Amino acid sequence: MSRIGKAPITVPNGVEVKISSGNTVSVKGPKGELIQQIDPDIIVEQNEGEILVKRPTDQKRHRSMHGLYRSLIANMITGVSEGYVKELELVGVGYRASNTGQLLELIVGYSHPIMFYIPDEVKVEAKMEKGKNPIVRLESHDKQLIGQIAAKIRAFRKPEPYKGKGIKFVGEVLRRKAGKTAAK
């Protein structure tokens, strides 16, 4: 039995979970609403204050989906109740970030600024303090969407291994390489 799949999901106060007959789980909370389509083989049951995800057989396909759908539903509940935050740091001389509404403008060493429109479900904030690297803060109730947006922003200028310049997640540990040693 999957350790992740068999763990019950507790539903906090203020979060409403609906399981329809078409195997669609919709979660509504103070931060927003999310909907997830679930495979027809997987059984989702709702008891008072908790949700259980069950599988019909021990086939490899059912075992793999068991933990997956339990994690997806748990992430949806966490998202609508608490939300998710991702922070990206721009490391490099002259690197800047600013936002006007949902339009993020990045200056990361190219001949032109990068303009990136962020979907309305994600709140964006660019912080620039003197003497510190600029930080782009993303906040959303959808874990998949915020992860995808953060990965796209990071892909504009990935951190390079020699000096560490580029866009990285706050707290991300980069693997650094030693440069060339000069022969004497």
Protein backbone atom coordinates (compact mmCIF):
# COMPACT_ATOMS: atom_id res chain seq x y z
CA MET A 1 0.00 0.00 0.00
CA SER A 2 1.26 3.47 -0.85
CA ARG A 3 2.31 5.37 2.26
CA ILE A 4 1.38 8.67 0.67
CA GLY A 5 -1.84 7.39 -0.89
CA LYS A 6 -3.31 5.82 2.24
CA ALA A 7 -2.77 8.89 4.46
CA PRO A 8 -6.05 10.77 5.03
CA ILE A 9 -6.26 14.44 4.03
CA THR A 10 -7.65 16.69 6.76
CA VAL A 11 -9.90 19.48 5.53
CA PRO A 12 -9.38 22.72 7.52
CA ASN A 13 -12.22 25.04 8.53
CA GLY A 14 -13.36 27.39 5.78
CA VAL A 15 -12.50 24.94 2.99
CA GLU A 16 -15.31 23.29 1.04
CA VAL A 17 -14.65 20.09 -0.96
CA LYS A 18 -17.11 18.73 -3.54
CA ILE A 19 -16.68 15.35 -5.24
CA SER A 20 -18.91 14.97 -8.30
CA SER A 21 -20.00 11.73 -9.93
CA GLY A 22 -17.81 12.45 -12.97
CA ASN A 23 -14.72 12.08 -10.75
CA THR A 24 -14.09 15.80 -10.49
CA VAL A 25 -12.87 17.22 -7.20
CA SER A 26 -13.46 20.93 -6.63
CA VAL A 27 -11.98 22.71 -3.62
CA LYS A 28 -13.11 26.16 -2.56
CA GLY A 29 -11.49 28.25 0.17
CA PRO A 30 -10.62 31.78 1.23
CA LYS A 31 -7.78 32.11 -1.34
CA GLY A 32 -9.69 30.79 -4.38
CA GLU A 33 -11.14 27.74 -6.09
CA LEU A 34 -9.43 24.80 -7.84
CA ILE A 35 -10.82 21.89 -9.87
CA GLN A 36 -9.05 18.58 -10.61
CA GLN A 37 -10.20 15.78 -12.90
CA ILE A 38 -9.47 12.35 -11.39
CA ASP A 39 -9.05 8.99 -13.17
CA PRO A 40 -12.33 6.99 -13.06
CA ASP A 41 -10.58 3.99 -11.45
CA ILE A 42 -9.48 5.92 -8.33
CA ILE A 43 -12.08 6.19 -5.54
CA VAL A 44 -12.29 9.44 -3.55
CA GLU A 45 -14.38 9.34 -0.36
CA GLN A 46 -15.27 12.22 1.92
CA ASN A 47 -15.93 11.61 5.61
CA GLU A 48 -16.48 14.27 8.24
CA GLY A 49 -13.42 16.52 8.11
CA GLU A 50 -11.20 14.27 5.99
CA ILE A 51 -10.78 12.81 2.51
CA LEU A 52 -9.59 9.29 1.66
CA VAL A 53 -8.19 8.20 -1.70
CA LYS A 54 -8.46 4.47 -2.51
CA ARG A 55 -7.41 2.25 -5.41
CA PRO A 56 -9.34 -0.78 -6.68
CA THR A 57 -6.42 -3.16 -7.35
CA ASP A 58 -2.66 -3.48 -6.91
CA GLN A 59 -1.87 -2.99 -10.59
CA LYS A 60 1.18 -0.82 -11.28
CA ARG A 61 -1.02 1.80 -12.96
CA HIS A 62 -3.37 2.03 -9.96
CA ARG A 63 -0.48 2.13 -7.48
CA SER A 64 1.18 5.02 -9.32
CA MET A 65 -2.05 7.05 -9.56
CA HIS A 66 -3.00 6.42 -5.92
CA GLY A 67 -0.27 8.60 -4.40
CA LEU A 68 -0.41 11.11 -7.25
CA TYR A 69 -4.07 12.02 -6.83
CA ARG A 70 -3.80 12.08 -3.05
CA SER A 71 -0.92 14.59 -3.36
CA LEU A 72 -2.78 16.69 -5.94
CA ILE A 73 -5.87 16.96 -3.71
CA ALA A 74 -3.72 17.75 -0.64
CA ASN A 75 -1.90 20.49 -2.59
CA MET A 76 -5.24 21.96 -3.71
CA ILE A 77 -6.50 22.10 -0.10
CA THR A 78 -3.25 23.69 1.12
CA GLY A 79 -3.37 26.19 -1.75
CA VAL A 80 -6.90 27.46 -1.16
CA SER A 81 -6.38 27.70 2.61
CA GLU A 82 -2.77 28.97 2.96
CA GLY A 83 -1.47 29.64 -0.57
CA TYR A 84 2.00 29.18 -2.03
CA VAL A 85 4.94 31.61 -2.35
CA LYS A 86 7.99 31.37 -4.63
CA GLU A 87 10.81 33.90 -4.56
CA LEU A 88 13.39 34.35 -7.29
CA GLU A 89 16.65 36.28 -6.86
CA LEU A 90 18.43 38.08 -9.71
CA VAL A 91 22.20 37.77 -9.18
CA GLY A 92 24.39 39.93 -11.42
CA VAL A 93 25.68 43.45 -11.92
CA GLY A 94 22.98 45.65 -13.44
CA TYR A 95 20.23 43.04 -13.14
CA ARG A 96 16.89 44.70 -12.37
CA ALA A 97 13.25 43.70 -11.98
CA SER A 98 10.11 45.81 -11.91
CA ASN A 99 6.43 45.17 -12.35
CA THR A 100 3.46 47.26 -13.41
CA GLY A 101 0.41 45.24 -12.48
CA GLN A 102 0.83 41.76 -13.97
CA LEU A 103 3.58 42.75 -16.43
CA LEU A 104 7.05 41.83 -15.17
CA GLU A 105 10.04 43.62 -16.72
CA LEU A 106 13.43 41.94 -16.30
CA ILE A 107 16.80 43.41 -17.23
CA VAL A 108 19.22 40.48 -17.05
CA GLY A 109 22.18 41.31 -19.28
CA TYR A 110 20.60 41.08 -22.72
CA SER A 111 20.49 43.97 -25.20
CA HIS A 112 16.77 44.33 -24.52
CA PRO A 113 14.50 44.09 -21.45
CA ILE A 114 12.36 40.97 -21.12
CA MET A 115 8.65 41.67 -20.72
CA PHE A 116 6.71 38.76 -19.22
CA TYR A 117 2.96 38.80 -18.58
CA ILE A 118 1.96 36.85 -15.47
CA PRO A 119 -1.56 35.29 -15.32
CA ASP A 120 -4.14 36.93 -13.06
CA GLU A 121 -4.19 33.94 -10.66
CA VAL A 122 -0.61 34.74 -9.61
CA LYS A 123 0.26 37.91 -7.67
CA VAL A 124 3.67 39.30 -8.57
CA GLU A 125 5.84 41.76 -6.67
CA ALA A 126 9.36 42.92 -7.56
CA LYS A 127 11.50 44.22 -4.66
CA MET A 128 14.68 46.22 -5.23
CA GLU A 129 16.73 47.38 -2.25
CA LYS A 130 20.02 49.21 -2.46
CA GLY A 131 22.97 46.89 -1.89
CA LYS A 132 20.89 43.72 -2.29
CA ASN A 133 19.93 41.58 -5.25
CA PRO A 134 16.46 42.21 -6.75
CA ILE A 135 13.81 39.69 -5.69
CA VAL A 136 10.68 38.67 -7.61
CA ARG A 137 7.97 37.32 -5.29
CA LEU A 138 5.17 35.16 -6.73
CA GLU A 139 2.09 34.23 -4.70
CA SER A 140 -0.81 31.99 -5.73
CA HIS A 141 -3.24 29.30 -4.61
CA ASP A 142 -2.34 26.99 -7.53
CA LYS A 143 0.91 25.10 -6.88
CA GLN A 144 1.26 23.81 -10.45
CA LEU A 145 0.77 27.24 -12.02
CA ILE A 146 3.14 29.09 -9.67
CA GLY A 147 5.83 26.45 -10.21
CA GLN A 148 5.49 26.70 -13.98
CA ILE A 149 5.66 30.53 -13.96
CA ALA A 150 8.71 30.48 -11.65
CA ALA A 151 10.46 27.95 -13.91
CA LYS A 152 9.77 30.10 -16.99
CA ILE A 153 11.19 33.21 -15.30
CA ARG A 154 14.27 31.25 -14.17
CA ALA A 155 14.76 29.97 -17.73
CA PHE A 156 15.30 33.53 -19.04
CA ARG A 157 18.80 33.48 -17.49
CA LYS A 158 19.74 30.28 -15.65
CA PRO A 159 22.50 30.64 -13.04
CA GLU A 160 25.91 29.87 -14.50
CA PRO A 161 28.28 27.63 -12.49
CA TYR A 162 31.38 29.89 -12.39
CA LYS A 163 30.23 33.18 -10.86
CA GLY A 164 26.63 32.23 -10.03
CA LYS A 165 25.11 35.01 -12.16
CA GLY A 166 21.54 34.53 -13.31
CA ILE A 167 18.04 34.06 -11.91
CA LYS A 168 17.82 31.55 -9.06
CA PHE A 169 15.31 30.57 -6.40
CA VAL A 170 15.88 32.11 -2.96
CA GLY A 171 17.67 29.48 -0.90
CA GLU A 172 18.74 27.43 -3.94
CA VAL A 173 22.24 26.01 -3.57
CA LEU A 174 24.20 26.19 -6.81
CA ARG A 175 26.95 23.78 -7.72
CA ARG A 176 29.97 25.97 -8.38
CA LYS A 177 32.94 25.09 -10.57
CA ALA A 178 36.53 26.22 -10.22
CA GLY A 179 37.72 28.43 -13.05
CA LYS A 180 40.91 28.07 -15.07
CA THR A 181 44.16 28.32 -13.12
CA ALA A 182 46.81 30.50 -14.70
CA ALA A 183 50.09 28.71 -15.52
CA LYS A 184 53.22 30.40 -14.10
